[in-house]
C-alpha atoms as a PDB file:
ATOM      1  CA  GLN A   1     105.632 -73.821  74.358  1.00  0.00           C
ATOM      2  CA  VAL A   2     106.253 -69.723  75.724  1.00  0.00           C
ATOM      3  CA  ASP A   3     104.628 -68.834  78.376  1.00  0.00           C
ATOM      4  CA  LEU A   4     102.099 -66.422  78.388  1.00  0.00           C
ATOM      5  CA  VAL A   5     102.009 -63.923  81.341  1.00  0.00           C
ATOM      6  CA  GLU A   6      98.816 -62.746  82.190  1.00  0.00           C
ATOM      7  CA  SER A   7      97.848 -59.732  84.540  1.00  0.00           C
ATOM      8  CA  GLY A   8      94.809 -57.177  85.770  1.00  0.00           C
ATOM      9  CA  GLY A   9      93.307 -60.187  87.924  1.00  0.00           C
ATOM     10  CA  GLY A  10      92.988 -58.937  91.694  1.00  0.00           C
ATOM     11  CA  LEU A  11      89.577 -57.987  94.319  1.00  0.00           C
ATOM     12  CA  ALA A  12      86.657 -56.626  93.012  1.00  0.00           C
ATOM     13  CA  GLN A  13      83.684 -55.970  94.376  1.00  0.00           C
ATOM     14  CA  PRO A  14      80.344 -58.012  93.396  1.00  0.00           C
ATOM     15  CA  GLY A  15      78.951 -55.966  90.884  1.00  0.00           C
ATOM     16  CA  GLY A  16      82.069 -54.284  89.690  1.00  0.00           C
ATOM     17  CA  SER A  17      84.458 -55.331  86.504  1.00  0.00           C
ATOM     18  CA  LEU A  18      87.970 -56.096  85.465  1.00  0.00           C
ATOM     19  CA  ARG A  19      90.012 -56.976  82.652  1.00  0.00           C
ATOM     20  CA  LEU A  20      92.264 -59.482  82.698  1.00  0.00           C
ATOM     21  CA  SER A  21      95.050 -59.197  80.216  1.00  0.00           C
ATOM     22  CA  CYS A  22      97.556 -62.198  78.849  1.00  0.00           C
ATOM     23  CA  ALA A  23     101.278 -62.038  76.210  1.00  0.00           C
ATOM     24  CA  PRO A  24     103.473 -63.149  76.107  1.00  0.00           C
ATOM     25  CA  SER A  25     106.640 -62.648  78.413  1.00  0.00           C
ATOM     26  CA  VAL A  26     109.005 -60.545  76.829  1.00  0.00           C
ATOM     27  CA  SER A  27     111.710 -63.352  76.013  1.00  0.00           C
ATOM     28  CA  ALA A  28     109.157 -64.647  74.123  1.00  0.00           C
ATOM     29  CA  SER A  29     107.942 -62.137  71.963  1.00  0.00           C
ATOM     30  CA  SER A  30     111.904 -61.187  71.845  1.00  0.00           C
ATOM     31  CA  GLY A  31     112.901 -64.370  70.176  1.00  0.00           C
ATOM     32  CA  ASN A  32     109.643 -63.462  66.971  1.00  0.00           C
ATOM     33  CA  ILE A  33     107.197 -66.151  68.093  1.00  0.00           C
ATOM     34  CA  GLY A  34     104.356 -67.185  64.943  1.00  0.00           C
ATOM     35  CA  SER A  35     100.977 -66.680  66.128  1.00  0.00           C
ATOM     36  CA  PHE A  36      98.585 -68.193  67.709  1.00  0.00           C
ATOM     37  CA  VAL A  37      96.127 -69.406  66.300  1.00  0.00           C
ATOM     38  CA  THR A  38      93.486 -69.077  69.377  1.00  0.00           C
ATOM     39  CA  MET A  39      94.073 -67.171  72.695  1.00  0.00           C
ATOM     40  CA  GLY A  40      91.166 -67.855  75.650  1.00  0.00           C
ATOM     41  CA  TRP A  41      91.033 -68.609  79.244  1.00  0.00           C
ATOM     42  CA  TYR A  42      90.113 -71.815  81.672  1.00  0.00           C
ATOM     43  CA  ARG A  43      89.344 -70.372  84.994  1.00  0.00           C
ATOM     44  CA  GLN A  44      89.305 -72.383  88.461  1.00  0.00           C
ATOM     45  CA  ALA A  45      88.009 -72.399  91.799  1.00  0.00           C
ATOM     46  CA  PRO A  46      88.348 -73.945  95.206  1.00  0.00           C
ATOM     47  CA  GLY A  47      87.639 -77.787  95.092  1.00  0.00           C
ATOM     48  CA  LYS A  48      86.335 -77.051  91.284  1.00  0.00           C
ATOM     49  CA  GLU A  49      87.351 -78.138  88.146  1.00  0.00           C
ATOM     50  CA  ARG A  50      89.036 -76.002  85.753  1.00  0.00           C
ATOM     51  CA  GLU A  51      86.578 -74.820  83.635  1.00  0.00           C
ATOM     52  CA  PHE A  52      86.299 -73.363  80.086  1.00  0.00           C
ATOM     53  CA  VAL A  53      85.653 -69.526  79.812  1.00  0.00           C
ATOM     54  CA  ALA A  54      86.483 -68.203  76.428  1.00  0.00           C
ATOM     55  CA  VAL A  55      88.405 -68.173  73.251  1.00  0.00           C
ATOM     56  CA  THR A  56      89.021 -66.332  70.494  1.00  0.00           C
ATOM     57  CA  THR A  57      90.499 -66.917  66.696  1.00  0.00           C
ATOM     58  CA  ARG A  58      92.924 -65.185  65.200  1.00  0.00           C
ATOM     59  CA  TYR A  59      89.897 -64.561  62.532  1.00  0.00           C
ATOM     60  CA  GLY A  60      87.306 -62.846  65.126  1.00  0.00           C
ATOM     61  CA  ASP A  61      85.510 -65.509  65.881  1.00  0.00           C
ATOM     62  CA  THR A  62      84.317 -66.165  70.081  1.00  0.00           C
ATOM     63  CA  ASN A  63      82.676 -68.215  71.848  1.00  0.00           C
ATOM     64  CA  THR A  64      81.617 -68.055  75.604  1.00  0.00           C
ATOM     65  CA  ALA A  65      80.529 -70.112  78.261  1.00  0.00           C
ATOM     66  CA  ASP A  66      77.029 -69.987  79.732  1.00  0.00           C
ATOM     67  CA  PHE A  67      77.970 -68.958  83.046  1.00  0.00           C
ATOM     68  CA  ALA A  68      80.236 -66.087  80.905  1.00  0.00           C
ATOM     69  CA  LYS A  69      77.507 -64.754  78.582  1.00  0.00           C
ATOM     70  CA  GLY A  70      76.420 -61.214  78.364  1.00  0.00           C
ATOM     71  CA  ARG A  71      78.904 -60.673  81.512  1.00  0.00           C
ATOM     72  CA  PHE A  72      81.803 -61.139  79.829  1.00  0.00           C
ATOM     73  CA  THR A  73      83.848 -60.334  76.121  1.00  0.00           C
ATOM     74  CA  ILE A  74      87.022 -61.825  75.297  1.00  0.00           C
ATOM     75  CA  PHE A  75      88.502 -59.725  71.909  1.00  0.00           C
ATOM     76  CA  ARG A  76      91.937 -59.918  70.740  1.00  0.00           C
ATOM     77  CA  GLU A  77      94.728 -57.120  69.023  1.00  0.00           C
ATOM     78  CA  GLY A  78      94.407 -58.132  65.713  1.00  0.00           C
ATOM     79  CA  ASP A  79      97.442 -60.251  64.749  1.00  0.00           C
ATOM     80  CA  LYS A  80      98.574 -59.569  67.451  1.00  0.00           C
ATOM     81  CA  ASN A  81      99.200 -62.117  70.598  1.00  0.00           C
ATOM     82  CA  THR A  82      97.253 -60.231  73.472  1.00  0.00           C
ATOM     83  CA  VAL A  83      94.334 -61.238  74.537  1.00  0.00           C
ATOM     84  CA  TYR A  84      91.741 -59.757  77.082  1.00  0.00           C
ATOM     85  CA  LEU A  85      88.701 -61.073  79.379  1.00  0.00           C
ATOM     86  CA  GLN A  86      86.856 -57.965  80.041  1.00  0.00           C
ATOM     87  CA  MET A  87      83.958 -59.405  83.264  1.00  0.00           C
ATOM     88  CA  ASN A  88      81.718 -57.144  84.296  1.00  0.00           C
ATOM     89  CA  SER A  89      78.724 -57.086  86.929  1.00  0.00           C
ATOM     90  CA  LEU A  90      80.903 -59.755  88.690  1.00  0.00           C
ATOM     91  CA  SER A  91      80.153 -62.309  91.627  1.00  0.00           C
ATOM     92  CA  ALA A  92      81.878 -64.483  94.202  1.00  0.00           C
ATOM     93  CA  GLU A  93      81.372 -67.245  91.922  1.00  0.00           C
ATOM     94  CA  ASP A  94      83.560 -66.011  89.299  1.00  0.00           C
ATOM     95  CA  THR A  95      86.688 -65.581  91.842  1.00  0.00           C
ATOM     96  CA  ALA A  96      88.750 -68.627  90.763  1.00  0.00           C
ATOM     97  CA  VAL A  97      92.432 -68.283  89.460  1.00  0.00           C
ATOM     98  CA  TYR A  98      92.160 -67.040  85.662  1.00  0.00           C
ATOM     99  CA  TYR A  99      94.751 -69.426  83.341  1.00  0.00           C
ATOM    100  CA  CYS A 100      95.228 -67.522  79.555  1.00  0.00           C
ATOM    101  CA  TYR A 101      96.499 -69.906  76.900  1.00  0.00           C
ATOM    102  CA  GLY A 102      97.025 -69.812  72.997  1.00  0.00           C
ATOM    103  CA  THR A 103      97.617 -72.526  71.064  1.00  0.00           C
ATOM    104  CA  THR A 104      99.763 -73.206  68.005  1.00  0.00           C
ATOM    105  CA  LEU A 105      99.816 -76.229  65.253  1.00  0.00           C
ATOM    106  CA  SER A 106     102.101 -78.144  68.072  1.00  0.00           C
ATOM    107  CA  GLY A 107     101.228 -77.203  70.602  1.00  0.00           C
ATOM    108  CA  THR A 108      99.203 -74.778  73.667  1.00  0.00           C
ATOM    109  CA  SER A 109     101.148 -72.274  75.246  1.00  0.00           C
ATOM    110  CA  TRP A 110     100.002 -71.249  79.299  1.00  0.00           C
ATOM    111  CA  GLY A 111     100.129 -68.516  81.766  1.00  0.00           C
ATOM    112  CA  GLN A 112     100.785 -68.913  85.759  1.00  0.00           C
ATOM    113  CA  GLY A 113      97.291 -67.300  85.973  1.00  0.00           C
ATOM    114  CA  THR A 114      96.102 -64.435  87.953  1.00  0.00           C
ATOM    115  CA  GLN A 115      94.154 -64.799  90.937  1.00  0.00           C
ATOM    116  CA  VAL A 116      90.007 -62.563  90.597  1.00  0.00           C
ATOM    117  CA  THR A 117      88.545 -61.938  94.039  1.00  0.00           C
ATOM    118  CA  VAL A 118      85.040 -60.784  93.859  1.00  0.00           C
ATOM    119  CA  SER A 119      83.676 -60.266  97.854  1.00  0.00           C
ATOM    120  CA  SER A 120      82.724 -57.185  99.791  1.00  0.00           C
END
């Protein structure tokens, strides 16, 4: 498994926006890893189960959780192992640690997570 690294988390105001990004670590990229079949995001809030947020395939298909529809957009850079999550209209309920993942035929890689906090 390769290490994925998220960035872009932080503090946002209610109604604000954040863009999360995720890509393999520099060392993993230098090792010429293969492309992920799918890449996506999960999140986990305190006291709650980890929940699916969004996923995209290398063909460009996307799927988002109900709570994210109309607010969150996932997109990927062509055949690059880089995925983004554009989050708009944020609310306090979006506060969580967001985890990026990428899948191949042999397994799944995860990032360490990035904290998103939505508060006035």
